[in-house]
Amino acid sequence: MALKKFNLKNAQESKRIFIDKASDYEVIDFKAIGHIEELGFSSKNDYYIPEDLVLLKNLKSLGVNDHCHLPSNIDQLKSLEELYLSNEAIYNVPDSIKNTTSITDLKIVFDPKDKEPQVAPDWIFDVKNI
């Protein structure tokens, strides 16, 4: 499958976007969706969310699922209040998460079918304000 640019028709009318199969996109123009308040990512393959995510100055809620990795500059998202992580994304969190001060609501869901419960990663206990 050829990689493509993420385009959204009538982007200015949307406050929430969920990008499924994120690894299929070579480029996401965060400037075009700079007004977004809620954003979600999911991918069955490893997908590294670009550091340009910090261009979303109004982003209040971020959902990261499956094999997506948070950008290393996640602590620069000053408007981010809620972070939702599920499955493998829980373990794809950079150390800079410990420096975030705006996140007040952290939701973690790990529900692997037919697997043993997992130990929570140490970073969970180091995030401030939660």
C-alpha atoms as a PDB file:
ATOM      1  CA  MET A   1       0.000   0.000   0.000  1.00  0.00           C
ATOM      2  CA  ALA A   2       1.339   3.387  -0.963  1.00  0.00           C
ATOM      3  CA  LEU A   3       1.673   5.929   1.806  1.00  0.00           C
ATOM      4  CA  LYS A   4      -0.362   9.058   1.452  1.00  0.00           C
ATOM      5  CA  LYS A   5      -0.984  12.501   2.874  1.00  0.00           C
ATOM      6  CA  PHE A   6      -3.735  12.808   5.472  1.00  0.00           C
ATOM      7  CA  ASN A   7      -6.372  15.184   4.101  1.00  0.00           C
ATOM      8  CA  LEU A   8      -9.660  16.092   5.701  1.00  0.00           C
ATOM      9  CA  LYS A   9     -12.442  17.826   3.843  1.00  0.00           C
ATOM     10  CA  ASN A  10     -14.072  20.641   5.800  1.00  0.00           C
ATOM     11  CA  ALA A  11     -11.353  20.401   8.441  1.00  0.00           C
ATOM     12  CA  GLN A  12     -12.348  23.760   9.941  1.00  0.00           C
ATOM     13  CA  GLU A  13     -15.742  22.340  10.916  1.00  0.00           C
ATOM     14  CA  SER A  14     -14.272  19.509  13.003  1.00  0.00           C
ATOM     15  CA  LYS A  15     -13.268  19.696  16.656  1.00  0.00           C
ATOM     16  CA  ARG A  16     -12.500  15.959  16.936  1.00  0.00           C
ATOM     17  CA  ILE A  17     -10.508  13.699  14.642  1.00  0.00           C
ATOM     18  CA  PHE A  18      -9.578  10.038  14.962  1.00  0.00           C
ATOM     19  CA  ILE A  19      -6.916   8.720  12.593  1.00  0.00           C
ATOM     20  CA  ASP A  20      -7.226   4.960  12.196  1.00  0.00           C
ATOM     21  CA  LYS A  21      -4.432   3.085  10.414  1.00  0.00           C
ATOM     22  CA  ALA A  22      -2.146   6.057  11.103  1.00  0.00           C
ATOM     23  CA  SER A  23       0.901   4.232   9.739  1.00  0.00           C
ATOM     24  CA  ASP A  24      -0.711   4.409   6.273  1.00  0.00           C
ATOM     25  CA  TYR A  25      -0.083   8.165   6.221  1.00  0.00           C
ATOM     26  CA  GLU A  26       3.282   9.557   5.258  1.00  0.00           C
ATOM     27  CA  VAL A  27       2.289  13.159   6.080  1.00  0.00           C
ATOM     28  CA  ILE A  28      -0.224  14.724   8.425  1.00  0.00           C
ATOM     29  CA  ASP A  29      -0.531  18.477   8.029  1.00  0.00           C
ATOM     30  CA  PHE A  30      -1.036  19.592  11.632  1.00  0.00           C
ATOM     31  CA  LYS A  31      -1.211  23.237  10.547  1.00  0.00           C
ATOM     32  CA  ALA A  32      -4.377  22.439   8.572  1.00  0.00           C
ATOM     33  CA  ILE A  33      -6.035  21.020  11.696  1.00  0.00           C
ATOM     34  CA  GLY A  34      -4.530  23.479  14.182  1.00  0.00           C
ATOM     35  CA  HIS A  35      -7.904  24.226  15.782  1.00  0.00           C
ATOM     36  CA  ILE A  36      -8.585  20.582  16.774  1.00  0.00           C
ATOM     37  CA  GLU A  37      -9.381  19.989  20.449  1.00  0.00           C
ATOM     38  CA  GLU A  38      -9.573  16.168  20.464  1.00  0.00           C
ATOM     39  CA  LEU A  39      -7.338  13.859  18.442  1.00  0.00           C
ATOM     40  CA  GLY A  40      -6.879  10.106  18.378  1.00  0.00           C
ATOM     41  CA  PHE A  41      -4.448   7.736  16.698  1.00  0.00           C
ATOM     42  CA  SER A  42      -4.531   3.997  16.140  1.00  0.00           C
ATOM     43  CA  SER A  43      -2.322   1.691  14.113  1.00  0.00           C
ATOM     44  CA  LYS A  44      -1.722  -2.029  13.852  1.00  0.00           C
ATOM     45  CA  ASN A  45       1.865  -1.258  12.772  1.00  0.00           C
ATOM     46  CA  ASP A  46       4.407   0.914  14.597  1.00  0.00           C
ATOM     47  CA  TYR A  47       3.566   4.570  14.048  1.00  0.00           C
ATOM     48  CA  TYR A  48       5.590   7.413  15.518  1.00  0.00           C
ATOM     49  CA  ILE A  49       3.394  10.465  15.989  1.00  0.00           C
ATOM     50  CA  PRO A  50       5.315  13.411  14.491  1.00  0.00           C
ATOM     51  CA  GLU A  51       6.741  16.063  16.793  1.00  0.00           C
ATOM     52  CA  ASP A  52       4.716  18.592  14.771  1.00  0.00           C
ATOM     53  CA  LEU A  53       1.839  17.549  17.026  1.00  0.00           C
ATOM     54  CA  VAL A  54       2.870  20.516  19.210  1.00  0.00           C
ATOM     55  CA  LEU A  55       1.452  22.805  16.494  1.00  0.00           C
ATOM     56  CA  LEU A  56      -2.001  21.898  17.843  1.00  0.00           C
ATOM     57  CA  LYS A  57      -2.234  24.718  20.373  1.00  0.00           C
ATOM     58  CA  ASN A  58      -5.907  23.958  21.213  1.00  0.00           C
ATOM     59  CA  LEU A  59      -5.465  20.214  21.743  1.00  0.00           C
ATOM     60  CA  LYS A  60      -7.108  19.259  25.027  1.00  0.00           C
ATOM     61  CA  SER A  61      -7.558  15.498  24.602  1.00  0.00           C
ATOM     62  CA  LEU A  62      -5.247  12.960  22.958  1.00  0.00           C
ATOM     63  CA  GLY A  63      -5.990   9.274  22.467  1.00  0.00           C
ATOM     64  CA  VAL A  64      -3.179   6.939  21.484  1.00  0.00           C
ATOM     65  CA  ASN A  65      -3.955   3.295  20.793  1.00  0.00           C
ATOM     66  CA  ASP A  66      -2.297   0.077  19.755  1.00  0.00           C
ATOM     67  CA  HIS A  67       1.170   0.465  18.212  1.00  0.00           C
ATOM     68  CA  CYS A  68       1.370   4.258  18.184  1.00  0.00           C
ATOM     69  CA  HIS A  69       4.242   6.060  19.888  1.00  0.00           C
ATOM     70  CA  LEU A  70       3.929   9.478  21.528  1.00  0.00           C
ATOM     71  CA  PRO A  71       6.380  12.116  20.253  1.00  0.00           C
ATOM     72  CA  SER A  72       9.407  12.870  22.421  1.00  0.00           C
ATOM     73  CA  ASN A  73       8.238  16.486  22.866  1.00  0.00           C
ATOM     74  CA  ILE A  74       4.876  15.547  24.426  1.00  0.00           C
ATOM     75  CA  ASP A  75       5.684  17.803  27.381  1.00  0.00           C
ATOM     76  CA  GLN A  76       5.442  20.855  25.079  1.00  0.00           C
ATOM     77  CA  LEU A  77       1.682  20.409  24.571  1.00  0.00           C
ATOM     78  CA  LYS A  78       0.647  23.015  27.131  1.00  0.00           C
ATOM     79  CA  SER A  79      -3.109  22.799  26.477  1.00  0.00           C
ATOM     80  CA  LEU A  80      -3.284  18.986  26.748  1.00  0.00           C
ATOM     81  CA  GLU A  81      -5.481  18.041  29.715  1.00  0.00           C
ATOM     82  CA  GLU A  82      -6.482  14.454  28.966  1.00  0.00           C
ATOM     83  CA  LEU A  83      -4.331  11.581  27.732  1.00  0.00           C
ATOM     84  CA  TYR A  84      -5.894   8.240  26.857  1.00  0.00           C
ATOM     85  CA  LEU A  85      -3.568   5.301  26.215  1.00  0.00           C
ATOM     86  CA  SER A  86      -4.496   1.753  25.344  1.00  0.00           C
ATOM     87  CA  ASN A  87      -2.799  -1.550  24.695  1.00  0.00           C
ATOM     88  CA  GLU A  88       0.772  -1.344  23.336  1.00  0.00           C
ATOM     89  CA  ALA A  89       0.730   2.478  23.315  1.00  0.00           C
ATOM     90  CA  ILE A  90       1.071   2.343  27.111  1.00  0.00           C
ATOM     91  CA  TYR A  91       4.617   1.114  26.623  1.00  0.00           C
ATOM     92  CA  ASN A  92       5.472   3.562  23.809  1.00  0.00           C
ATOM     93  CA  VAL A  93       5.692   6.664  25.995  1.00  0.00           C
ATOM     94  CA  PRO A  94       8.842   8.852  26.026  1.00  0.00           C
ATOM     95  CA  ASP A  95      10.564   9.918  29.257  1.00  0.00           C
ATOM     96  CA  SER A  96       9.492  13.516  28.599  1.00  0.00           C
ATOM     97  CA  ILE A  97       5.993  12.555  29.807  1.00  0.00           C
ATOM     98  CA  LYS A  98       7.380  13.062  33.319  1.00  0.00           C
ATOM     99  CA  ASN A  99       7.794  16.780  32.536  1.00  0.00           C
ATOM    100  CA  THR A 100       4.200  17.415  31.526  1.00  0.00           C
ATOM    101  CA  THR A 101       2.286  19.747  33.811  1.00  0.00           C
ATOM    102  CA  SER A 102      -0.989  20.259  31.943  1.00  0.00           C
ATOM    103  CA  ILE A 103      -2.310  16.669  31.930  1.00  0.00           C
ATOM    104  CA  THR A 104      -4.818  16.239  34.740  1.00  0.00           C
ATOM    105  CA  ASP A 105      -6.679  13.185  33.452  1.00  0.00           C
ATOM    106  CA  LEU A 106      -4.777  10.034  32.478  1.00  0.00           C
ATOM    107  CA  LYS A 107      -6.780   7.057  31.235  1.00  0.00           C
ATOM    108  CA  ILE A 108      -5.025   3.757  30.679  1.00  0.00           C
ATOM    109  CA  VAL A 109      -6.769   0.722  29.212  1.00  0.00           C
ATOM    110  CA  PHE A 110      -4.994  -2.573  28.700  1.00  0.00           C
ATOM    111  CA  ASP A 111      -7.320  -5.356  27.692  1.00  0.00           C
ATOM    112  CA  PRO A 112      -5.394  -8.006  25.817  1.00  0.00           C
ATOM    113  CA  LYS A 113      -7.468 -11.036  24.999  1.00  0.00           C
ATOM    114  CA  ASP A 114      -6.070 -14.299  26.339  1.00  0.00           C
ATOM    115  CA  LYS A 115      -3.042 -12.646  27.967  1.00  0.00           C
ATOM    116  CA  GLU A 116      -1.917 -12.232  31.531  1.00  0.00           C
ATOM    117  CA  PRO A 117      -2.267  -8.802  33.204  1.00  0.00           C
ATOM    118  CA  GLN A 118       0.769  -6.570  32.686  1.00  0.00           C
ATOM    119  CA  VAL A 119       2.758  -4.552  35.195  1.00  0.00           C
ATOM    120  CA  ALA A 120       2.190  -0.805  34.880  1.00  0.00           C
ATOM    121  CA  PRO A 121       5.250   1.030  33.523  1.00  0.00           C
ATOM    122  CA  ASP A 122       7.100   3.237  36.020  1.00  0.00           C
ATOM    123  CA  TRP A 123       6.432   6.470  34.098  1.00  0.00           C
ATOM    124  CA  ILE A 124       2.773   6.352  35.215  1.00  0.00           C
ATOM    125  CA  PHE A 125       3.806   7.171  38.773  1.00  0.00           C
ATOM    126  CA  ASP A 126       6.081  10.045  37.739  1.00  0.00           C
ATOM    127  CA  VAL A 127       3.571  12.191  35.817  1.00  0.00           C
ATOM    128  CA  LYS A 128       2.785  15.404  37.713  1.00  0.00           C
ATOM    129  CA  ASN A 129      -0.722  16.776  38.469  1.00  0.00           C
ATOM    130  CA  ILE A 130      -2.531  13.485  37.920  1.00  0.00           C
END
